[in-house]
Amino acid sequence: MNNHTRREQLIRLCALRVRYRQAWQSKAGACQLAALLTETEHQQKRLAEAGKAQEKPGVM
């Protein structure tokens, strides 16, 4: 993953966190909160996997 892609994924993750917080504060429905939380978790997982894949080539 290049730095541009990683940056975009980090921005997406931050945006999802903000959207979740705003939805929670506005007392959104459980389904909407669950969908936002699931998407946030998926994005965190993608970043973690990409970080591990980026580390592997340099490991001896």
Protein backbone atom coordinates (compact mmCIF):
# COMPACT_ATOMS: atom_id res chain seq x y z
CA MET A 1 0.00 0.00 0.00
CA ASN A 2 1.39 3.36 -0.88
CA ASN A 3 1.22 6.41 1.38
CA HIS A 4 -1.58 8.01 -0.63
CA THR A 5 -3.83 4.95 -0.28
CA ARG A 6 -3.05 4.63 3.43
CA ARG A 7 -3.83 8.31 3.94
CA GLU A 8 -7.18 7.91 2.18
CA GLN A 9 -8.04 4.91 4.34
CA LEU A 10 -7.14 6.82 7.51
CA ILE A 11 -9.31 9.74 6.42
CA ARG A 12 -12.19 7.35 5.72
CA LEU A 13 -11.79 5.76 9.15
CA CYS A 14 -11.83 9.17 10.86
CA ALA A 15 -14.89 10.21 8.88
CA LEU A 16 -16.70 7.02 9.88
CA ARG A 17 -15.87 7.62 13.53
CA VAL A 18 -17.23 11.17 13.31
CA ARG A 19 -20.40 9.96 11.58
CA TYR A 20 -20.90 7.29 14.25
CA ARG A 21 -20.43 9.81 17.07
CA GLN A 22 -22.86 12.24 15.45
CA ALA A 23 -25.44 9.50 14.90
CA TRP A 24 -25.09 8.33 18.50
CA GLN A 25 -25.47 11.87 19.85
CA SER A 26 -28.58 12.43 17.73
CA LYS A 27 -30.02 9.19 19.12
CA ALA A 28 -30.07 7.40 15.77
CA GLY A 29 -31.68 4.00 15.47
CA ALA A 30 -29.88 0.83 16.44
CA CYS A 31 -29.68 -0.38 12.84
CA GLN A 32 -27.97 2.79 11.67
CA LEU A 33 -25.50 2.69 14.56
CA ALA A 34 -24.79 -0.98 13.93
CA ALA A 35 -24.15 -0.34 10.23
CA LEU A 36 -21.74 2.51 10.99
CA LEU A 37 -19.96 0.48 13.65
CA THR A 38 -19.60 -2.50 11.31
CA GLU A 39 -18.16 -0.31 8.56
CA THR A 40 -15.76 1.28 11.05
CA GLU A 41 -14.57 -2.15 12.19
CA HIS A 42 -14.07 -3.27 8.58
CA GLN A 43 -12.01 -0.18 7.83
CA GLN A 44 -9.86 -0.75 10.93
CA LYS A 45 -9.29 -4.34 9.84
CA ARG A 46 -8.29 -3.25 6.31
CA LEU A 47 -5.76 -0.80 7.72
CA ALA A 48 -4.33 -3.40 10.09
CA GLU A 49 -4.01 -6.00 7.34
CA ALA A 50 -2.41 -3.50 4.99
CA GLY A 51 0.05 -2.52 7.70
CA LYS A 52 1.03 -6.16 8.27
CA ALA A 53 1.42 -6.76 4.54
CA GLN A 54 3.63 -3.69 4.29
CA GLU A 55 5.87 -4.94 7.12
CA LYS A 56 6.38 -8.47 5.74
CA PRO A 57 8.72 -7.67 2.82
CA GLY A 58 11.17 -5.92 5.15
CA VAL A 59 11.21 -8.66 7.80
CA MET A 60 14.24 -10.95 7.78
